[in-house]
């Protein structure tokens, strides 16, 4: 009888743990990151603008194999400054710190946001600009820039998920995306998933609790 009660208690404890654990790892898939800029930064996307020096929160809103939707918030996440289309980009070595790269601009102009790498991961996000602005940046920096021909001023997220993306050279000619971004190899760290494991874990927990109660009832009858 004691054995049955002990086993039932263990099953119940395991079930409770299954419900608690996901909340501790919730930030991993959306890559929520606090970033502080020491100077003004130009950001692309819907409501593209120049953000003043300050602290912001980066989060992945939606992730697919070939593109991500990234949002930039104020520190308490009550306001979205911009929603950005990004393409996953691979690098050889991961860093234990957040890495933000910029496109250098002429003196006196704000740097333009280029890519964001999350700590501990070898892939990051290369940001896409509206084509007219991408052409200007390509000429200023003498480097290709990711661009989309759609109007980003008020594009909904569903449009960003299917928007065409290309790379434009300083001459205005299109170039292959491979010149700017490298897809993660099969051995790279996995891309984030927005799907939550809670439903599956919840089902497992309920089944485990049910098994525990059944064993408890069986033990009482066996006395």
Protein backbone atom coordinates (compact mmCIF):
# COMPACT_ATOMS: atom_id res chain seq x y z
CA UNK A 1 0.00 0.00 0.00
CA UNK A 2 2.81 2.43 0.92
CA UNK A 3 4.49 1.64 -2.40
CA UNK A 4 1.33 2.52 -4.33
CA UNK A 5 0.90 5.79 -2.41
CA UNK A 6 4.54 6.73 -2.97
CA UNK A 7 4.27 6.00 -6.69
CA UNK A 8 1.06 8.04 -6.94
CA UNK A 9 2.71 11.00 -5.22
CA UNK A 10 5.66 10.86 -7.61
CA UNK A 11 3.34 10.81 -10.62
CA UNK A 12 1.44 13.84 -9.33
CA UNK A 13 4.71 15.72 -8.73
CA UNK A 14 5.90 14.94 -12.25
CA UNK A 15 2.59 16.18 -13.66
CA UNK A 16 2.90 19.48 -11.77
CA UNK A 17 6.47 19.92 -13.03
CA UNK A 18 5.28 19.47 -16.62
CA UNK A 19 2.93 22.42 -16.16
CA UNK A 20 5.58 24.65 -14.57
CA UNK A 21 8.69 24.08 -16.72
CA UNK A 22 7.52 25.75 -20.00
CA UNK A 23 7.08 29.12 -18.30
CA UNK A 24 10.79 29.16 -17.46
CA UNK A 25 11.85 28.69 -21.09
CA UNK A 26 9.21 30.84 -22.80
CA UNK A 27 11.69 33.53 -23.91
CA UNK A 28 13.90 31.09 -25.83
CA UNK A 29 11.75 30.77 -28.94
CA UNK A 30 10.92 34.48 -29.30
CA UNK A 31 14.53 35.52 -28.55
CA UNK A 32 13.39 38.43 -26.37
CA UNK A 33 16.42 40.69 -25.97
CA UNK A 34 16.96 44.04 -24.27
CA UNK A 35 19.18 46.33 -26.37
CA UNK A 36 20.55 49.76 -25.50
CA UNK A 37 21.67 52.12 -28.27
CA UNK A 38 24.17 54.85 -27.43
CA UNK A 39 23.09 56.92 -30.43
CA UNK A 40 20.19 57.25 -32.90
CA UNK A 41 19.54 54.19 -35.11
CA UNK A 42 17.54 53.89 -38.32
CA UNK A 43 15.23 50.86 -38.28
CA UNK A 44 13.36 49.35 -41.26
CA UNK A 45 9.93 47.75 -41.48
CA UNK A 46 6.39 48.91 -40.88
CA UNK A 47 6.57 52.41 -39.34
CA UNK A 48 10.26 52.66 -40.26
CA UNK A 49 11.92 55.48 -38.38
CA UNK A 50 15.02 56.64 -36.58
CA UNK A 51 14.99 55.60 -32.93
CA UNK A 52 16.73 57.92 -30.46
CA UNK A 53 19.41 56.63 -28.13
CA UNK A 54 17.85 54.47 -25.45
CA UNK A 55 16.75 50.99 -24.42
CA UNK A 56 14.51 48.76 -26.55
CA UNK A 57 13.23 45.18 -26.59
CA UNK A 58 13.66 42.92 -29.65
CA UNK A 59 11.32 39.93 -30.06
CA UNK A 60 10.52 37.45 -32.81
CA UNK A 61 6.79 37.58 -33.49
CA UNK A 62 6.66 34.83 -36.09
CA UNK A 63 9.27 32.45 -37.49
CA UNK A 64 9.32 30.41 -40.65
CA UNK A 65 12.08 28.43 -42.33
CA UNK A 66 13.11 31.22 -44.70
CA UNK A 67 12.02 34.38 -42.85
CA UNK A 68 11.24 35.90 -39.48
CA UNK A 69 9.01 38.74 -38.33
CA UNK A 70 10.79 40.85 -35.68
CA UNK A 71 9.29 43.58 -33.53
CA UNK A 72 11.00 46.35 -31.55
CA UNK A 73 9.25 47.53 -28.37
CA UNK A 74 9.75 50.15 -25.69
CA UNK A 75 11.24 48.78 -22.41
CA UNK A 76 7.88 47.84 -20.84
CA UNK A 77 6.62 46.35 -24.14
CA UNK A 78 3.51 48.54 -24.27
CA UNK A 79 4.39 50.09 -27.64
CA UNK A 80 5.68 48.58 -30.89
CA UNK A 81 7.98 50.95 -32.76
CA UNK A 82 8.34 48.84 -35.88
CA UNK A 83 7.63 45.38 -37.29
CA UNK A 84 10.47 44.12 -39.48
CA UNK A 85 10.81 41.41 -42.10
CA UNK A 86 14.09 39.51 -41.64
CA UNK A 87 15.93 36.65 -43.32
CA UNK A 88 17.85 34.07 -41.22
CA UNK A 89 21.60 34.51 -41.63
CA UNK A 90 24.33 32.11 -40.47
CA UNK A 91 27.73 32.87 -38.93
CA UNK A 92 30.55 30.51 -38.06
CA UNK A 93 30.95 31.35 -34.38
CA UNK A 94 28.35 32.05 -31.72
CA UNK A 95 28.81 34.77 -29.10
CA UNK A 96 27.72 34.70 -25.47
CA UNK A 97 26.37 38.24 -25.90
CA UNK A 98 23.79 39.87 -28.15
CA UNK A 99 25.36 41.17 -31.38
CA UNK A 100 23.77 44.00 -33.37
CA UNK A 101 25.40 45.04 -36.65
CA UNK A 102 24.84 48.27 -38.56
CA UNK A 103 25.37 49.75 -41.97
CA UNK A 104 27.85 52.58 -41.64
CA UNK A 105 26.49 55.89 -42.86
CA UNK A 106 28.12 59.21 -43.79
CA UNK A 107 29.28 61.31 -40.84
CA UNK A 108 26.46 62.95 -38.93
CA UNK A 109 23.79 60.44 -40.04
CA UNK A 110 22.37 57.66 -37.84
CA UNK A 111 23.61 54.12 -38.41
CA UNK A 112 21.15 51.82 -40.17
CA UNK A 113 20.20 48.55 -38.46
CA UNK A 114 21.52 45.55 -40.37
CA UNK A 115 21.37 42.30 -38.34
CA UNK A 116 20.67 40.86 -34.90
CA UNK A 117 22.35 37.76 -33.42
CA UNK A 118 20.96 36.18 -30.26
CA UNK A 119 23.47 35.00 -27.60
CA UNK A 120 24.69 31.44 -28.02
CA UNK A 121 23.34 30.96 -31.53
CA UNK A 122 25.18 30.79 -34.84
CA UNK A 123 22.27 32.15 -36.85
CA UNK A 124 20.74 35.62 -36.71
CA UNK A 125 18.37 37.89 -38.60
CA UNK A 126 19.35 40.09 -41.55
CA UNK A 127 16.80 42.91 -41.81
CA UNK A 128 14.95 43.84 -45.00
CA UNK A 129 14.35 47.45 -46.09
CA UNK A 130 11.72 48.85 -48.42
CA UNK A 131 13.28 48.85 -51.89
CA UNK A 132 13.58 52.63 -52.37
CA UNK A 133 15.42 52.96 -49.06
CA UNK A 134 17.47 49.80 -49.72
CA UNK A 135 18.73 51.32 -52.97
CA UNK A 136 19.80 54.48 -51.15
CA UNK A 137 21.59 52.52 -48.44
CA UNK A 138 23.34 50.31 -51.00
CA UNK A 139 24.74 53.40 -52.74
CA UNK A 140 25.77 55.05 -49.45
CA UNK A 141 27.50 51.96 -48.05
CA UNK A 142 28.66 50.49 -51.38
CA UNK A 143 27.25 47.11 -50.31
CA UNK A 144 24.20 45.06 -51.34
CA UNK A 145 21.12 45.46 -49.14
CA UNK A 146 18.09 43.20 -48.67
CA UNK A 147 14.96 44.76 -50.12
CA UNK A 148 11.28 44.12 -50.68
CA UNK A 149 9.20 45.87 -53.36
CA UNK A 150 6.05 45.99 -51.23
CA UNK A 151 5.02 49.20 -49.47
CA UNK A 152 6.04 48.73 -45.84
CA UNK A 153 4.44 51.88 -44.43
CA UNK A 154 1.33 49.97 -43.32
CA UNK A 155 1.87 46.35 -44.39
CA UNK A 156 0.14 43.83 -42.09
CA UNK A 157 2.08 40.88 -40.71
CA UNK A 158 0.35 38.43 -43.07
CA UNK A 159 1.71 40.41 -46.03
CA UNK A 160 5.24 40.35 -44.59
CA UNK A 161 5.08 36.56 -44.33
CA UNK A 162 4.79 36.21 -48.11
CA UNK A 163 6.48 39.40 -49.35
CA UNK A 164 9.13 38.87 -52.05
CA UNK A 165 12.71 39.59 -50.95
CA UNK A 166 15.68 40.42 -53.12
CA UNK A 167 19.13 41.92 -52.75
CA UNK A 168 20.04 45.14 -54.55
CA UNK A 169 23.56 46.22 -55.47
CA UNK A 170 24.91 49.78 -55.23
CA UNK A 171 24.32 50.05 -58.99
CA UNK A 172 20.63 49.26 -58.48
CA UNK A 173 20.94 45.85 -60.11
CA UNK A 174 19.56 42.77 -58.33
CA UNK A 175 22.07 40.29 -56.88
CA UNK A 176 21.65 36.81 -55.48
CA UNK A 177 20.53 36.57 -51.85
CA UNK A 178 23.46 34.22 -51.21
CA UNK A 179 25.78 37.23 -51.40
CA UNK A 180 24.18 38.64 -48.23
CA UNK A 181 22.79 35.74 -46.26
CA UNK A 182 23.88 32.17 -45.71
CA UNK A 183 21.23 29.67 -44.60
CA UNK A 184 22.02 27.63 -41.48
CA UNK A 185 23.64 24.22 -42.21
CA UNK A 186 21.89 21.06 -41.09
CA UNK A 187 24.10 20.91 -37.98
CA UNK A 188 23.43 24.48 -36.88
CA UNK A 189 21.32 25.30 -33.86
CA UNK A 190 17.62 24.93 -34.70
CA UNK A 191 15.49 27.90 -35.72
CA UNK A 192 12.96 29.07 -33.15
CA UNK A 193 9.40 27.82 -33.27
CA UNK A 194 6.43 29.89 -32.28
CA UNK A 195 4.30 26.81 -31.59
CA UNK A 196 4.00 26.21 -27.85
CA UNK A 197 4.49 22.73 -26.31
CA UNK A 198 1.93 23.52 -23.60
CA UNK A 199 -1.01 21.60 -25.15
CA UNK A 200 1.02 18.40 -25.45
CA UNK A 201 2.57 18.75 -22.02
CA UNK A 202 -0.83 19.52 -20.56
CA UNK A 203 -2.26 16.32 -22.04
CA UNK A 204 0.67 14.32 -20.67
CA UNK A 205 0.15 15.89 -17.26
CA UNK A 206 -3.56 15.07 -17.20
CA UNK A 207 -2.88 11.48 -18.21
CA UNK A 208 -0.24 11.21 -15.51
CA UNK A 209 -2.58 12.61 -12.87
CA UNK A 210 -5.28 10.18 -14.00
CA UNK A 211 -2.88 7.27 -13.66
CA UNK A 212 -1.94 8.43 -10.18
CA UNK A 213 -5.56 8.62 -9.02
CA UNK A 214 -6.28 5.20 -10.54
CA UNK A 215 -3.34 3.64 -8.70
CA UNK A 216 -4.44 5.32 -5.46
CA UNK A 217 -7.96 3.94 -5.82
CA UNK A 218 -6.58 0.47 -6.61
CA UNK A 219 -4.38 0.54 -3.52
CA UNK A 220 -7.37 1.39 -1.28
CA UNK A 221 -9.36 -1.53 -2.64
CA UNK A 222 -6.39 -3.82 -2.13
CA UNK A 223 -6.19 -3.06 1.63
